[in-house]
Amino acid sequence: MTRRDVFQGIADPTRRMILALLALQAMTPNALAERFDSTRQAVSKHVGILTECGLVTQQHQGREIYYHLNTNKMKEVDAWLEPFRKMWDDKFNELENVLNNLKNKNQ
C-alpha cells in the first residue's frame, strides 16, 4: 500500500474544511458529517484519506471514535511554505524601501 503524503491530503477543499474543524476540537464521524451536505460515507472517505496521510488520528472512547488533528504532520506543510513566505517577506521589504525612498524624495 502506498501511503499518501500530506499534500494529497490537503488537496481537496472538503478535507481542508475537515482539518479546520478538527483544529478547533476532536470530533466523531457523525459530528463531522453533520457539517457537510454530503453523505456520512463521503465524509468518512475523506477522513480515511486524511488518516492515511497522517494528518488525522483516531481515538476510541467507549463506543465512539474521535478524530484529532495531528498538528505535527501539518508542520510538513509549514516547512514547504517557508521558502515562499521568505520570498514574499523579502519582496514586501523591497517595496517598503522603495516607498520610503519615494516619500523622502518628495519631502
Foldseek 3Di string as FASTA:
>chain_A
DDQDAVCVLVVDPLSVVVLVVQVVHWDFLVVSQVVDPDDSVVSVVSVVNCVSNVQWDWDDDPPTITIHGDVVSCVVVVVVCVVVVVVVVVVVVVVVVVVVVVVVVVD
